[in-house]
Amino acid sequence: MRIRRRHNLGIEEARNRADRIAADIGPQLSLRSNWQGDNLMVTGRGVSGHLKVAEDEIEVHVQLGFALKLMEGPIRSFIEKAIDEELA
């Protein structure tokens, strides 16, 4: 799944918010995260992806394993809510 949101926070604050987004969704999906350049890489049980941070946009790419694919709708809603709250 891919989720994009525009922002006007600047890249440093957007990186801080990306950390908070990962912290918000991390416990629910057992995620671990680490930075590689402007990409916050995330991995967990049945989940992998990254948050790409740019000056005016955050783009989230998430790949779900087979078992979690069945719950893609609720997982997408949960991630979108976390992103929207952090970028508000």
PDB file of N, CA and C in Angstrom:
ATOM      1  N   MET A   1       0.845  -1.174   0.000  1.00  0.00           N
ATOM      2  CA  MET A   1       0.000   0.000   0.000  1.00  0.00           C
ATOM      3  C   MET A   1       0.887   1.232   0.000  1.00  0.00           C
ATOM      4  N   ARG A   2       0.382   2.286  -0.568  1.00  0.00           N
ATOM      5  CA  ARG A   2       1.116   3.551  -0.636  1.00  0.00           C
ATOM      6  C   ARG A   2       0.197   4.668  -0.164  1.00  0.00           C
ATOM      7  N   ILE A   3       0.727   5.488   0.731  1.00  0.00           N
ATOM      8  CA  ILE A   3      -0.034   6.616   1.273  1.00  0.00           C
ATOM      9  C   ILE A   3       0.858   7.848   1.169  1.00  0.00           C
ATOM     10  N   ARG A   4       0.335   8.920   0.577  1.00  0.00           N
ATOM     11  CA  ARG A   4       1.105  10.169   0.439  1.00  0.00           C
ATOM     12  C   ARG A   4       0.354  11.305   1.102  1.00  0.00           C
ATOM     13  N   ARG A   5       1.117  12.123   1.796  1.00  0.00           N
ATOM     14  CA  ARG A   5       0.547  13.322   2.410  1.00  0.00           C
ATOM     15  C   ARG A   5       1.521  14.482   2.216  1.00  0.00           C
ATOM     16  N   ARG A   6       0.983  15.615   1.818  1.00  0.00           N
ATOM     17  CA  ARG A   6       1.782  16.835   1.678  1.00  0.00           C
ATOM     18  C   ARG A   6       1.857  17.531   3.030  1.00  0.00           C
ATOM     19  N   HIS A   7       2.903  18.303   3.228  1.00  0.00           N
ATOM     20  CA  HIS A   7       3.071  19.069   4.460  1.00  0.00           C
ATOM     21  C   HIS A   7       3.889  20.318   4.150  1.00  0.00           C
ATOM     22  N   ASN A   8       3.932  21.225   5.084  1.00  0.00           N
ATOM     23  CA  ASN A   8       4.814  22.392   4.962  1.00  0.00           C
ATOM     24  C   ASN A   8       5.616  22.565   6.249  1.00  0.00           C
ATOM     25  N   LEU A   9       6.169  21.450   6.716  1.00  0.00           N
ATOM     26  CA  LEU A   9       6.929  21.432   7.965  1.00  0.00           C
ATOM     27  C   LEU A   9       8.421  21.618   7.740  1.00  0.00           C
ATOM     28  N   GLY A  10       8.898  21.425   6.529  1.00  0.00           N
ATOM     29  CA  GLY A  10      10.335  21.366   6.288  1.00  0.00           C
ATOM     30  C   GLY A  10      10.824  19.948   6.561  1.00  0.00           C
ATOM     31  N   ILE A  11      11.993  19.641   6.064  1.00  0.00           N
ATOM     32  CA  ILE A  11      12.449  18.253   6.114  1.00  0.00           C
ATOM     33  C   ILE A  11      12.819  17.798   7.524  1.00  0.00           C
ATOM     34  N   GLU A  12      13.448  18.651   8.323  1.00  0.00           N
ATOM     35  CA  GLU A  12      13.853  18.236   9.672  1.00  0.00           C
ATOM     36  C   GLU A  12      12.645  17.920  10.548  1.00  0.00           C
ATOM     37  N   GLU A  13      11.659  18.808  10.540  1.00  0.00           N
ATOM     38  CA  GLU A  13      10.458  18.544  11.346  1.00  0.00           C
ATOM     39  C   GLU A  13       9.683  17.350  10.791  1.00  0.00           C
ATOM     40  N   ALA A  14       9.670  17.191   9.473  1.00  0.00           N
ATOM     41  CA  ALA A  14       8.997  16.037   8.875  1.00  0.00           C
ATOM     42  C   ALA A  14       9.679  14.736   9.305  1.00  0.00           C
ATOM     43  N   ARG A  15      11.010  14.749   9.423  1.00  0.00           N
ATOM     44  CA  ARG A  15      11.725  13.562   9.918  1.00  0.00           C
ATOM     45  C   ARG A  15      11.320  13.269  11.362  1.00  0.00           C
ATOM     46  N   ASN A  16      11.207  14.311  12.191  1.00  0.00           N
ATOM     47  CA  ASN A  16      10.757  14.124  13.574  1.00  0.00           C
ATOM     48  C   ASN A  16       9.357  13.521  13.610  1.00  0.00           C
ATOM     49  N   ARG A  17       8.487  14.024  12.761  1.00  0.00           N
ATOM     50  CA  ARG A  17       7.115  13.509  12.718  1.00  0.00           C
ATOM     51  C   ARG A  17       7.082  12.072  12.204  1.00  0.00           C
ATOM     52  N   ALA A  18       7.946  11.739  11.253  1.00  0.00           N
ATOM     53  CA  ALA A  18       8.017  10.360  10.751  1.00  0.00           C
ATOM     54  C   ALA A  18       8.416   9.414  11.885  1.00  0.00           C
ATOM     55  N   ASP A  19       9.361   9.854  12.721  1.00  0.00           N
ATOM     56  CA  ASP A  19       9.730   9.051  13.896  1.00  0.00           C
ATOM     57  C   ASP A  19       8.525   8.827  14.795  1.00  0.00           C
ATOM     58  N   ARG A  20       7.744   9.881  14.994  1.00  0.00           N
ATOM     59  CA  ARG A  20       6.566   9.763  15.861  1.00  0.00           C
ATOM     60  C   ARG A  20       5.497   8.880  15.232  1.00  0.00           C
ATOM     61  N   ILE A  21       5.338   8.953  13.911  1.00  0.00           N
ATOM     62  CA  ILE A  21       4.382   8.077  13.225  1.00  0.00           C
ATOM     63  C   ILE A  21       4.787   6.625  13.437  1.00  0.00           C
ATOM     64  N   ALA A  22       6.075   6.330  13.239  1.00  0.00           N
ATOM     65  CA  ALA A  22       6.558   4.957  13.434  1.00  0.00           C
ATOM     66  C   ALA A  22       6.348   4.521  14.885  1.00  0.00           C
ATOM     67  N   ALA A  23       6.559   5.444  15.830  1.00  0.00           N
ATOM     68  CA  ALA A  23       6.348   5.111  17.246  1.00  0.00           C
ATOM     69  C   ALA A  23       4.864   4.866  17.535  1.00  0.00           C
ATOM     70  N   ASP A  24       3.981   5.611  16.859  1.00  0.00           N
ATOM     71  CA  ASP A  24       2.537   5.444  17.051  1.00  0.00           C
ATOM     72  C   ASP A  24       2.044   4.097  16.537  1.00  0.00           C
ATOM     73  N   ILE A  25       2.512   3.707  15.353  1.00  0.00           N
ATOM     74  CA  ILE A  25       2.014   2.464  14.759  1.00  0.00           C
ATOM     75  C   ILE A  25       2.876   1.262  15.127  1.00  0.00           C
ATOM     76  N   GLY A  26       4.082   1.504  15.592  1.00  0.00           N
ATOM     77  CA  GLY A  26       5.024   0.435  15.894  1.00  0.00           C
ATOM     78  C   GLY A  26       4.514  -0.643  16.832  1.00  0.00           C
ATOM     79  N   PRO A  27       3.962  -0.276  17.990  1.00  0.00           N
ATOM     80  CA  PRO A  27       3.519  -1.319  18.921  1.00  0.00           C
ATOM     81  C   PRO A  27       2.412  -2.213  18.353  1.00  0.00           C
ATOM     82  N   GLN A  28       1.514  -1.661  17.564  1.00  0.00           N
ATOM     83  CA  GLN A  28       0.405  -2.446  17.001  1.00  0.00           C
ATOM     84  C   GLN A  28       0.905  -3.462  15.976  1.00  0.00           C
ATOM     85  N   LEU A  29       1.969  -3.113  15.249  1.00  0.00           N
ATOM     86  CA  LEU A  29       2.467  -3.975  14.174  1.00  0.00           C
ATOM     87  C   LEU A  29       3.845  -4.558  14.490  1.00  0.00           C
ATOM     88  N   SER A  30       4.295  -4.423  15.734  1.00  0.00           N
ATOM     89  CA  SER A  30       5.610  -4.945  16.160  1.00  0.00           C
ATOM     90  C   SER A  30       6.730  -4.456  15.243  1.00  0.00           C
ATOM     91  N   LEU A  31       6.755  -3.152  14.990  1.00  0.00           N
ATOM     92  CA  LEU A  31       7.719  -2.589  14.055  1.00  0.00           C
ATOM     93  C   LEU A  31       9.011  -2.162  14.729  1.00  0.00           C
ATOM     94  N   ARG A  32      10.081  -2.321  13.977  1.00  0.00           N
ATOM     95  CA  ARG A  32      11.374  -1.742  14.308  1.00  0.00           C
ATOM     96  C   ARG A  32      11.697  -0.778  13.175  1.00  0.00           C
ATOM     97  N   SER A  33      12.403   0.289  13.488  1.00  0.00           N
ATOM     98  CA  SER A  33      12.693   1.265  12.436  1.00  0.00           C
ATOM     99  C   SER A  33      14.125   1.763  12.532  1.00  0.00           C
ATOM    100  N   ASN A  34      14.665   2.179  11.379  1.00  0.00           N
ATOM    101  CA  ASN A  34      15.980   2.814  11.328  1.00  0.00           C
ATOM    102  C   ASN A  34      16.046   3.697  10.083  1.00  0.00           C
ATOM    103  N   TRP A  35      16.822   4.775  10.197  1.00  0.00           N
ATOM    104  CA  TRP A  35      16.954   5.725   9.102  1.00  0.00           C
ATOM    105  C   TRP A  35      18.022   5.280   8.126  1.00  0.00           C
ATOM    106  N   GLN A  36      17.722   5.413   6.847  1.00  0.00           N
ATOM    107  CA  GLN A  36      18.687   5.260   5.760  1.00  0.00           C
ATOM    108  C   GLN A  36      18.489   6.467   4.857  1.00  0.00           C
ATOM    109  N   GLY A  37      19.309   7.483   5.063  1.00  0.00           N
ATOM    110  CA  GLY A  37      19.132   8.741   4.343  1.00  0.00           C
ATOM    111  C   GLY A  37      17.827   9.393   4.777  1.00  0.00           C
ATOM    112  N   ASP A  38      16.978   9.739   3.831  1.00  0.00           N
ATOM    113  CA  ASP A  38      15.678  10.342   4.134  1.00  0.00           C
ATOM    114  C   ASP A  38      14.552   9.306   4.151  1.00  0.00           C
ATOM    115  N   ASN A  39      14.899   8.035   4.280  1.00  0.00           N
ATOM    116  CA  ASN A  39      13.913   6.956   4.356  1.00  0.00           C
ATOM    117  C   ASN A  39      13.974   6.311   5.730  1.00  0.00           C
ATOM    118  N   LEU A  40      12.837   6.264   6.396  1.00  0.00           N
ATOM    119  CA  LEU A  40      12.726   5.556   7.659  1.00  0.00           C
ATOM    120  C   LEU A  40      12.236   4.148   7.328  1.00  0.00           C
ATOM    121  N   MET A  41      13.149   3.184   7.401  1.00  0.00           N
ATOM    122  CA  MET A  41      12.842   1.801   7.068  1.00  0.00           C
ATOM    123  C   MET A  41      12.136   1.150   8.252  1.00  0.00           C
ATOM    124  N   VAL A  42      11.067   0.389   7.989  1.00  0.00           N
ATOM    125  CA  VAL A  42      10.329  -0.291   9.057  1.00  0.00           C
ATOM    126  C   VAL A  42      10.171  -1.771   8.696  1.00  0.00           C
ATOM    127  N   THR A  43      10.317  -2.604   9.709  1.00  0.00           N
ATOM    128  CA  THR A  43      10.117  -4.041   9.537  1.00  0.00           C
ATOM    129  C   THR A  43       9.441  -4.592  10.782  1.00  0.00           C
ATOM    130  N   GLY A  44       8.692  -5.629  10.594  1.00  0.00           N
ATOM    131  CA  GLY A  44       8.018  -6.299  11.698  1.00  0.00           C
ATOM    132  C   GLY A  44       7.516  -7.648  11.230  1.00  0.00           C
ATOM    133  N   ARG A  45       6.773  -8.307  12.091  1.00  0.00           N
ATOM    134  CA  ARG A  45       6.224  -9.611  11.717  1.00  0.00           C
ATOM    135  C   ARG A  45       5.168  -9.437  10.629  1.00  0.00           C
ATOM    136  N   GLY A  46       5.503  -9.849   9.423  1.00  0.00           N
ATOM    137  CA  GLY A  46       4.554  -9.767   8.314  1.00  0.00           C
ATOM    138  C   GLY A  46       4.399  -8.381   7.720  1.00  0.00           C
ATOM    139  N   VAL A  47       5.316  -7.454   8.069  1.00  0.00           N
ATOM    140  CA  VAL A  47       5.225  -6.072   7.588  1.00  0.00           C
ATOM    141  C   VAL A  47       6.625  -5.582   7.224  1.00  0.00           C
ATOM    142  N   SER A  48       6.728  -4.887   6.104  1.00  0.00           N
ATOM    143  CA  SER A  48       7.963  -4.182   5.770  1.00  0.00           C
ATOM    144  C   SER A  48       7.589  -2.950   4.970  1.00  0.00           C
ATOM    145  N   GLY A  49       8.474  -1.972   4.983  1.00  0.00           N
ATOM    146  CA  GLY A  49       8.214  -0.775   4.216  1.00  0.00           C
ATOM    147  C   GLY A  49       9.110   0.366   4.617  1.00  0.00           C
ATOM    148  N   HIS A  50       8.721   1.567   4.198  1.00  0.00           N
ATOM    149  CA  HIS A  50       9.495   2.752   4.558  1.00  0.00           C
ATOM    150  C   HIS A  50       8.630   4.006   4.470  1.00  0.00           C
ATOM    151  N   LEU A  51       9.070   5.004   5.205  1.00  0.00           N
ATOM    152  CA  LEU A  51       8.486   6.334   5.139  1.00  0.00           C
ATOM    153  C   LEU A  51       9.523   7.213   4.463  1.00  0.00           C
ATOM    154  N   LYS A  52       9.203   7.710   3.284  1.00  0.00           N
ATOM    155  CA  LYS A  52      10.108   8.571   2.534  1.00  0.00           C
ATOM    156  C   LYS A  52       9.758  10.022   2.862  1.00  0.00           C
ATOM    157  N   VAL A  53      10.742  10.732   3.390  1.00  0.00           N
ATOM    158  CA  VAL A  53      10.507  12.105   3.829  1.00  0.00           C
ATOM    159  C   VAL A  53      11.133  13.076   2.840  1.00  0.00           C
ATOM    160  N   ALA A  54      10.337  14.029   2.382  1.00  0.00           N
ATOM    161  CA  ALA A  54      10.816  15.081   1.499  1.00  0.00           C
ATOM    162  C   ALA A  54      10.448  16.430   2.118  1.00  0.00           C
ATOM    163  N   GLU A  55      10.948  17.480   1.533  1.00  0.00           N
ATOM    164  CA  GLU A  55      10.727  18.838   2.038  1.00  0.00           C
ATOM    165  C   GLU A  55       9.245  19.166   2.206  1.00  0.00           C
ATOM    166  N   ASP A  56       8.391  18.617   1.323  1.00  0.00           N
ATOM    167  CA  ASP A  56       6.980  18.992   1.337  1.00  0.00           C
ATOM    168  C   ASP A  56       6.021  17.800   1.301  1.00  0.00           C
ATOM    169  N   GLU A  57       6.545  16.578   1.542  1.00  0.00           N
ATOM    170  CA  GLU A  57       5.697  15.394   1.420  1.00  0.00           C
ATOM    171  C   GLU A  57       6.282  14.237   2.224  1.00  0.00           C
ATOM    172  N   ILE A  58       5.386  13.418   2.757  1.00  0.00           N
ATOM    173  CA  ILE A  58       5.771  12.135   3.340  1.00  0.00           C
ATOM    174  C   ILE A  58       5.024  11.068   2.555  1.00  0.00           C
ATOM    175  N   GLU A  59       5.773  10.078   2.114  1.00  0.00           N
ATOM    176  CA  GLU A  59       5.179   8.977   1.364  1.00  0.00           C
ATOM    177  C   GLU A  59       5.480   7.682   2.112  1.00  0.00           C
ATOM    178  N   VAL A  60       4.439   6.918   2.390  1.00  0.00           N
ATOM    179  CA  VAL A  60       4.566   5.681   3.138  1.00  0.00           C
ATOM    180  C   VAL A  60       4.316   4.510   2.193  1.00  0.00           C
ATOM    181  N   HIS A  61       5.246   3.582   2.172  1.00  0.00           N
ATOM    182  CA  HIS A  61       5.102   2.335   1.413  1.00  0.00           C
ATOM    183  C   HIS A  61       5.091   1.203   2.425  1.00  0.00           C
ATOM    184  N   VAL A  62       4.071   0.376   2.380  1.00  0.00           N
ATOM    185  CA  VAL A  62       3.956  -0.754   3.306  1.00  0.00           C
ATOM    186  C   VAL A  62       3.603  -2.001   2.516  1.00  0.00           C
ATOM    187  N   GLN A  63       4.333  -3.062   2.782  1.00  0.00           N
ATOM    188  CA  GLN A  63       4.023  -4.365   2.203  1.00  0.00           C
ATOM    189  C   GLN A  63       3.583  -5.276   3.341  1.00  0.00           C
ATOM    190  N   LEU A  64       2.435  -5.888   3.168  1.00  0.00           N
ATOM    191  CA  LEU A  64       1.888  -6.778   4.181  1.00  0.00           C
ATOM    192  C   LEU A  64       2.057  -8.223   3.739  1.00  0.00           C
ATOM    193  N   GLY A  65       2.402  -9.065   4.696  1.00  0.00           N
ATOM    194  CA  GLY A  65       2.461 -10.493   4.432  1.00  0.00           C
ATOM    195  C   GLY A  65       1.059 -11.049   4.224  1.00  0.00           C
ATOM    196  N   PHE A  66       0.986 -12.310   3.848  1.00  0.00           N
ATOM    197  CA  PHE A  66      -0.288 -12.926   3.507  1.00  0.00           C
ATOM    198  C   PHE A  66      -1.326 -12.800   4.620  1.00  0.00           C
ATOM    199  N   ALA A  67      -0.956 -13.123   5.858  1.00  0.00           N
ATOM    200  CA  ALA A  67      -1.923 -13.095   6.963  1.00  0.00           C
ATOM    201  C   ALA A  67      -2.452 -11.684   7.205  1.00  0.00           C
ATOM    202  N   LEU A  68      -1.577 -10.685   7.131  1.00  0.00           N
ATOM    203  CA  LEU A  68      -2.016  -9.307   7.371  1.00  0.00           C
ATOM    204  C   LEU A  68      -2.744  -8.710   6.175  1.00  0.00           C
ATOM    205  N   LYS A  69      -2.540  -9.265   5.004  1.00  0.00           N
ATOM    206  CA  LYS A  69      -3.220  -8.771   3.801  1.00  0.00           C
ATOM    207  C   LYS A  69      -4.738  -8.820   3.979  1.00  0.00           C
ATOM    208  N   LEU A  70      -5.212  -9.792   4.748  1.00  0.00           N
ATOM    209  CA  LEU A  70      -6.642  -9.916   5.012  1.00  0.00           C
ATOM    210  C   LEU A  70      -7.183  -8.739   5.819  1.00  0.00           C
ATOM    211  N   MET A  71      -6.293  -8.017   6.500  1.00  0.00           N
ATOM    212  CA  MET A  71      -6.697  -6.881   7.339  1.00  0.00           C
ATOM    213  C   MET A  71      -6.193  -5.561   6.762  1.00  0.00           C
ATOM    214  N   GLU A  72      -5.950  -5.529   5.460  1.00  0.00           N
ATOM    215  CA  GLU A  72      -5.368  -4.343   4.832  1.00  0.00           C
ATOM    216  C   GLU A  72      -6.213  -3.083   5.058  1.00  0.00           C
ATOM    217  N   GLY A  73      -7.517  -3.171   4.949  1.00  0.00           N
ATOM    218  CA  GLY A  73      -8.386  -1.999   5.134  1.00  0.00           C
ATOM    219  C   GLY A  73      -8.222  -1.362   6.505  1.00  0.00           C
ATOM    220  N   PRO A  74      -8.402  -2.120   7.586  1.00  0.00           N
ATOM    221  CA  PRO A  74      -8.228  -1.540   8.915  1.00  0.00           C
ATOM    222  C   PRO A  74      -6.793  -1.062   9.176  1.00  0.00           C
ATOM    223  N   ILE A  75      -5.807  -1.780   8.655  1.00  0.00           N
ATOM    224  CA  ILE A  75      -4.412  -1.360   8.844  1.00  0.00           C
ATOM    225  C   ILE A  75      -4.165  -0.049   8.119  1.00  0.00           C
ATOM    226  N   ARG A  76      -4.674   0.074   6.886  1.00  0.00           N
ATOM    227  CA  ARG A  76      -4.530   1.332   6.138  1.00  0.00           C
ATOM    228  C   ARG A  76      -5.178   2.487   6.908  1.00  0.00           C
ATOM    229  N   SER A  77      -6.374   2.273   7.418  1.00  0.00           N
ATOM    230  CA  SER A  77      -7.063   3.324   8.171  1.00  0.00           C
ATOM    231  C   SER A  77      -6.268   3.733   9.406  1.00  0.00           C
ATOM    232  N   PHE A  78      -5.706   2.753  10.102  1.00  0.00           N
ATOM    233  CA  PHE A  78      -4.915   3.008  11.296  1.00  0.00           C
ATOM    234  C   PHE A  78      -3.673   3.840  10.961  1.00  0.00           C
ATOM    235  N   ILE A  79      -2.974   3.479   9.883  1.00  0.00           N
ATOM    236  CA  ILE A  79      -1.774   4.214   9.468  1.00  0.00           C
ATOM    237  C   ILE A  79      -2.144   5.620   9.005  1.00  0.00           C
ATOM    238  N   GLU A  80      -3.205   5.747   8.212  1.00  0.00           N
ATOM    239  CA  GLU A  80      -3.626   7.068   7.737  1.00  0.00           C
ATOM    240  C   GLU A  80      -3.984   7.985   8.903  1.00  0.00           C
ATOM    241  N   LYS A  81      -4.664   7.447   9.903  1.00  0.00           N
ATOM    242  CA  LYS A  81      -5.033   8.250  11.060  1.00  0.00           C
ATOM    243  C   LYS A  81      -3.782   8.735  11.791  1.00  0.00           C
ATOM    244  N   ALA A  82      -2.791   7.852  11.979  1.00  0.00           N
ATOM    245  CA  ALA A  82      -1.552   8.229  12.663  1.00  0.00           C
ATOM    246  C   ALA A  82      -0.818   9.322  11.885  1.00  0.00           C
ATOM    247  N   ILE A  83      -0.754   9.181  10.554  1.00  0.00           N
ATOM    248  CA  ILE A  83      -0.087  10.185   9.722  1.00  0.00           C
ATOM    249  C   ILE A  83      -0.815  11.519   9.816  1.00  0.00           C
ATOM    250  N   ASP A  84      -2.134  11.484   9.632  1.00  0.00           N
ATOM    251  CA  ASP A  84      -2.910  12.732   9.647  1.00  0.00           C
ATOM    252  C   ASP A  84      -2.802  13.453  10.999  1.00  0.00           C
ATOM    253  N   GLU A  85      -2.784  12.712  12.084  1.00  0.00           N
ATOM    254  CA  GLU A  85      -2.661  13.342  13.405  1.00  0.00           C
ATOM    255  C   GLU A  85      -1.287  13.984  13.574  1.00  0.00           C
ATOM    256  N   GLU A  86      -0.256  13.330  13.101  1.00  0.00           N
ATOM    257  CA  GLU A  86       1.107  13.885  13.257  1.00  0.00           C
ATOM    258  C   GLU A  86       1.367  15.064  12.329  1.00  0.00           C
ATOM    259  N   LEU A  87       0.728  15.089  11.180  1.00  0.00           N
ATOM    260  CA  LEU A  87       0.983  16.184  10.228  1.00  0.00           C
ATOM    261  C   LEU A  87       0.003  17.344  10.388  1.00  0.00           C
ATOM    262  N   ALA A  88      -0.979  17.198  11.271  1.00  0.00           N
ATOM    263  CA  ALA A  88      -1.976  18.262  11.452  1.00  0.00           C
ATOM    264  C   ALA A  88      -1.370  19.499  12.082  1.00  0.00           C
TER     265      ALA A  88
END
